[in-house]
Amino acid sequence: MAHVFATMGTVVSVRVDDDAVDAATLDAVEAVFDDLDREFSRWRPDSPASQIADGQLSLLRSSEAHRERYAEALRWRADTAGAFTPHRPDGTVDLAGTIKAAATEAAGNVLDAAGHERWCINAGGDVLTRGGTPAHPWTVALADPDDPQHVLRVVSLHGPQRAVATSGTSQRGEHVWRTDPKSTYRQVTIVADDLMTADVLATAILAGGPATRLLAEQGWPVHIVTVNRAGEPASSSGP
């Protein structure tokens, strides 16, 4: 079963390999994304996120969920030595770096609660899976940033490593705030046990360059694939 819908400015696809998914479950999956988008999207002028950015709403007076997500992002900033940040260069808060992953993980919880044992959610290229095995893994193709039709690598997701996220410049241009003066990487992919870790570290390494890559290799059990400015791929694994 495959279900596709648009949300958060991207397209989400849900694939379930076991029993058919009832309409209520699919509605609940979509609602997870829509609810977080209404709260955190900077593209929606009526959202609390936009009101905070515009100074109409104090972060201290925002919802408990908003404050918790902000605190979570600050912890990631500390863990990545500032390479990942919840602040734009103008100082305003932007939680886009964590919210899509949070929504995808919450949608996975909906599928788990409905009893589905093998599924895959692809939210604009960020992928979370359940039920992959060495004999029957989920496979994700990584596109070459110079040629999206060319497959750079294929990663297998099974066992504890259930998630993959990619951050790069080929689709969205320079959308992260670099702390690496050389802008070493054009694309970074992380394979991890959870999507939040994969998504944050992909963004952090793209922003922070080799120093942040080394920090990730030493601090998290992840697999890393980078593509540098010359188009050369390189892979490494964490502890």
Protein backbone atom coordinates (compact mmCIF):
# COMPACT_ATOMS: atom_id res chain seq x y z
CA MET A 1 0.00 0.00 0.00
CA ALA A 2 1.30 3.45 -0.93
CA HIS A 3 -0.21 6.75 0.16
CA VAL A 4 1.11 10.14 -1.01
CA PHE A 5 0.18 13.62 0.19
CA ALA A 6 1.57 17.16 0.18
CA THR A 7 2.49 18.94 3.41
CA MET A 8 5.17 21.22 4.86
CA GLY A 9 6.09 22.40 1.39
CA THR A 10 7.09 18.90 0.30
CA VAL A 11 5.61 15.52 -0.60
CA VAL A 12 5.29 12.66 1.87
CA SER A 13 4.88 9.05 0.79
CA VAL A 14 3.84 6.25 3.12
CA ARG A 15 4.38 2.62 2.15
CA VAL A 16 3.11 -0.25 4.27
CA ASP A 17 4.06 -3.80 3.28
CA ASP A 18 1.70 -5.79 5.49
CA ASP A 19 -2.07 -5.46 5.92
CA ALA A 20 -4.04 -2.68 4.29
CA VAL A 21 -4.06 0.60 6.19
CA ASP A 22 -7.47 1.94 7.19
CA ALA A 23 -8.50 5.48 6.32
CA ALA A 24 -8.47 6.61 9.94
CA THR A 25 -4.81 5.70 10.31
CA LEU A 26 -3.86 7.56 7.13
CA ASP A 27 -5.85 10.57 8.31
CA ALA A 28 -3.96 10.45 11.61
CA VAL A 29 -0.62 10.31 9.78
CA GLU A 30 -1.53 13.38 7.73
CA ALA A 31 -2.83 15.18 10.81
CA VAL A 32 0.55 14.80 12.55
CA PHE A 33 2.27 16.73 9.78
CA ASP A 34 -0.50 19.31 9.45
CA ASP A 35 -0.62 20.03 13.19
CA LEU A 36 3.13 20.64 13.42
CA ASP A 37 3.09 22.72 10.24
CA ARG A 38 0.37 24.98 11.67
CA GLU A 39 2.44 25.52 14.81
CA PHE A 40 5.99 25.79 13.45
CA SER A 41 5.91 26.89 9.80
CA ARG A 42 7.57 30.24 9.10
CA TRP A 43 5.77 30.22 5.73
CA ARG A 44 2.35 30.55 7.39
CA PRO A 45 1.78 34.14 8.59
CA ASP A 46 -0.80 32.96 11.15
CA SER A 47 1.47 30.36 12.80
CA PRO A 48 2.94 30.88 16.27
CA ALA A 49 6.40 30.48 14.67
CA SER A 50 5.76 33.47 12.39
CA GLN A 51 4.29 35.48 15.24
CA ILE A 52 7.39 34.81 17.36
CA ALA A 53 9.66 35.81 14.48
CA ASP A 54 7.68 39.02 13.92
CA GLY A 55 7.71 39.93 17.60
CA GLN A 56 3.95 39.53 17.99
CA LEU A 57 4.35 36.60 20.40
CA SER A 58 7.00 36.03 23.03
CA LEU A 59 8.64 32.62 22.93
CA LEU A 60 8.17 32.52 26.71
CA ARG A 61 4.41 32.85 26.17
CA SER A 62 4.23 30.28 23.37
CA SER A 63 2.83 26.79 23.81
CA GLU A 64 4.62 24.24 25.94
CA ALA A 65 5.23 22.16 22.79
CA HIS A 66 6.88 25.13 21.08
CA ARG A 67 9.15 25.80 24.03
CA GLU A 68 10.09 22.12 24.28
CA ARG A 69 11.00 21.96 20.59
CA TYR A 70 13.10 25.09 20.96
CA ALA A 71 14.91 23.58 23.96
CA GLU A 72 15.51 20.41 21.95
CA ALA A 73 17.06 22.44 19.14
CA LEU A 74 19.30 24.27 21.61
CA ARG A 75 20.56 20.92 22.89
CA TRP A 76 21.45 19.94 19.34
CA ARG A 77 23.27 23.24 18.93
CA ALA A 78 25.37 22.44 21.99
CA ASP A 79 26.00 18.85 20.87
CA THR A 80 27.23 19.99 17.44
CA ALA A 81 29.38 22.83 18.78
CA GLY A 82 27.10 25.38 17.14
CA ALA A 83 27.09 23.92 13.63
CA PHE A 84 23.36 23.26 13.94
CA THR A 85 21.31 26.19 15.17
CA PRO A 86 17.63 27.07 15.63
CA HIS A 87 18.36 30.71 14.79
CA ARG A 88 18.52 32.46 11.46
CA PRO A 89 21.35 34.94 10.84
CA ASP A 90 18.97 37.75 11.83
CA GLY A 91 18.56 36.11 15.25
CA THR A 92 14.97 34.96 14.82
CA VAL A 93 13.95 31.43 15.76
CA ASP A 94 13.47 28.89 12.96
CA LEU A 95 12.77 25.29 13.97
CA ALA A 96 12.50 23.91 10.43
CA GLY A 97 15.67 21.90 11.03
CA THR A 98 13.92 19.58 13.48
CA ILE A 99 10.17 19.76 12.84
CA LYS A 100 9.92 17.63 9.69
CA ALA A 101 11.88 14.85 11.41
CA ALA A 102 9.68 15.18 14.50
CA ALA A 103 6.55 14.90 12.36
CA THR A 104 7.88 11.86 10.51
CA GLU A 105 8.78 10.08 13.73
CA ALA A 106 5.34 10.88 15.18
CA ALA A 107 3.71 9.53 12.01
CA GLY A 108 5.75 6.35 12.44
CA ASN A 109 4.36 6.05 15.96
CA VAL A 110 0.86 6.19 14.47
CA LEU A 111 1.65 3.27 12.16
CA ASP A 112 3.22 1.33 15.04
CA ALA A 113 0.17 1.91 17.22
CA ALA A 114 -2.04 0.61 14.41
CA GLY A 115 -0.08 -2.65 14.45
CA HIS A 116 1.88 -2.27 11.20
CA GLU A 117 5.23 -4.03 11.39
CA ARG A 118 6.89 -3.08 8.10
CA TRP A 119 6.58 0.44 6.73
CA CYS A 120 8.52 3.29 5.16
CA ILE A 121 7.82 7.03 5.34
CA ASN A 122 9.64 9.30 2.90
CA ALA A 123 9.19 12.98 3.76
CA GLY A 124 10.86 14.94 1.00
CA GLY A 125 13.86 12.62 0.92
CA ASP A 126 14.13 12.08 4.68
CA VAL A 127 13.30 8.43 5.23
CA LEU A 128 12.20 6.51 8.32
CA THR A 129 11.48 2.78 8.22
CA ARG A 130 10.32 -0.14 10.32
CA GLY A 131 10.74 -3.88 9.80
CA GLY A 132 13.86 -4.03 7.64
CA THR A 133 15.96 -7.18 8.01
CA PRO A 134 19.35 -8.17 6.55
CA ALA A 135 17.53 -10.52 4.20
CA HIS A 136 14.79 -8.02 3.35
CA PRO A 137 16.05 -4.47 4.03
CA TRP A 138 14.59 -1.18 2.97
CA THR A 139 16.88 0.34 0.34
CA VAL A 140 17.30 4.04 -0.34
CA ALA A 141 19.07 5.44 -3.40
CA LEU A 142 21.20 8.56 -2.90
CA ALA A 143 21.18 10.90 -5.88
CA ASP A 144 24.31 12.40 -7.39
CA PRO A 145 24.12 16.18 -6.79
CA ASP A 146 25.45 16.77 -10.33
CA ASP A 147 22.90 14.46 -11.93
CA PRO A 148 19.73 13.63 -9.96
CA GLN A 149 19.00 10.76 -12.37
CA HIS A 150 22.29 9.07 -11.40
CA VAL A 151 22.45 6.97 -8.23
CA LEU A 152 25.50 7.83 -6.15
CA ARG A 153 25.04 5.14 -3.48
CA VAL A 154 22.39 2.73 -2.27
CA VAL A 155 22.03 2.36 1.49
CA SER A 156 20.27 -0.51 3.25
CA LEU A 157 18.14 0.10 6.32
CA HIS A 158 17.61 -2.79 8.70
CA GLY A 159 17.93 -3.58 12.37
CA PRO A 160 18.52 -0.51 14.54
CA GLN A 161 19.57 1.73 11.65
CA ARG A 162 16.14 2.76 10.38
CA ALA A 163 16.61 6.31 9.12
CA VAL A 164 18.40 8.29 6.44
CA ALA A 165 18.48 12.04 5.79
CA THR A 166 20.29 14.17 3.23
CA SER A 167 21.13 17.85 3.26
CA GLY A 168 22.61 19.53 0.21
CA THR A 169 22.62 22.46 -2.17
CA SER A 170 21.56 20.83 -5.45
CA GLN A 171 17.80 21.18 -4.87
CA ARG A 172 17.43 24.13 -2.51
CA GLY A 173 20.66 26.06 -3.00
CA GLU A 174 22.50 27.49 0.01
CA HIS A 175 19.73 27.05 2.57
CA VAL A 176 21.90 26.42 5.65
CA TRP A 177 24.03 28.94 7.51
CA ARG A 178 27.61 27.80 7.09
CA THR A 179 30.23 27.96 9.80
CA ASP A 180 32.74 26.17 7.54
CA PRO A 181 34.54 29.01 5.71
CA LYS A 182 35.46 26.69 2.83
CA SER A 183 31.91 25.36 2.35
CA THR A 184 33.56 21.96 1.89
CA TYR A 185 30.51 19.80 1.24
CA ARG A 186 27.78 20.03 -1.36
CA GLN A 187 25.80 17.10 0.02
CA VAL A 188 25.74 15.16 3.27
CA THR A 189 23.78 11.97 3.99
CA ILE A 190 23.45 10.38 7.43
CA VAL A 191 22.19 6.86 8.18
CA ALA A 192 21.16 6.57 11.83
CA ASP A 193 18.91 4.80 14.30
CA ASP A 194 16.42 7.69 14.36
CA LEU A 195 15.48 10.39 11.89
CA MET A 196 16.05 13.35 14.18
CA THR A 197 19.72 12.41 14.59
CA ALA A 198 20.09 11.79 10.86
CA ASP A 199 18.42 15.06 9.88
CA VAL A 200 20.23 17.27 12.38
CA LEU A 201 23.68 15.80 11.71
CA ALA A 202 23.24 16.04 7.95
CA THR A 203 22.49 19.75 8.31
CA ALA A 204 25.24 20.27 10.89
CA ILE A 205 27.96 18.65 8.77
CA LEU A 206 26.89 20.56 5.66
CA ALA A 207 27.14 23.75 7.71
CA GLY A 208 30.19 22.93 9.80
CA GLY A 209 32.33 20.94 7.37
CA PRO A 210 35.07 18.41 8.25
CA ALA A 211 35.33 19.43 11.91
CA THR A 212 31.64 18.67 12.46
CA ARG A 213 31.94 15.46 10.46
CA LEU A 214 34.71 14.31 12.82
CA LEU A 215 32.54 15.25 15.81
CA ALA A 216 29.68 13.15 14.40
CA GLU A 217 31.95 10.19 13.66
CA GLN A 218 33.21 10.19 17.23
CA GLY A 219 29.91 10.87 18.94
CA TRP A 220 27.16 8.92 17.18
CA PRO A 221 26.77 5.41 15.70
CA VAL A 222 26.03 6.73 12.22
CA HIS A 223 27.11 6.11 8.64
CA ILE A 224 28.10 9.26 6.74
CA VAL A 225 28.27 9.88 2.99
CA THR A 226 29.56 13.27 1.85
CA VAL A 227 30.11 14.84 -1.55
CA ASN A 228 32.67 17.64 -1.69
CA ARG A 229 32.89 20.68 -3.96
CA ALA A 230 34.73 18.63 -6.59
CA GLY A 231 31.87 16.11 -6.68
CA GLU A 232 33.90 13.41 -4.93
CA PRO A 233 31.97 11.10 -2.57
CA ALA A 234 33.40 9.74 0.67
CA SER A 235 31.94 7.39 3.29
CA SER A 236 32.66 6.77 6.94
CA SER A 237 31.03 5.20 9.99
CA GLY A 238 30.79 6.36 13.58
CA PRO A 239 31.63 4.32 16.71
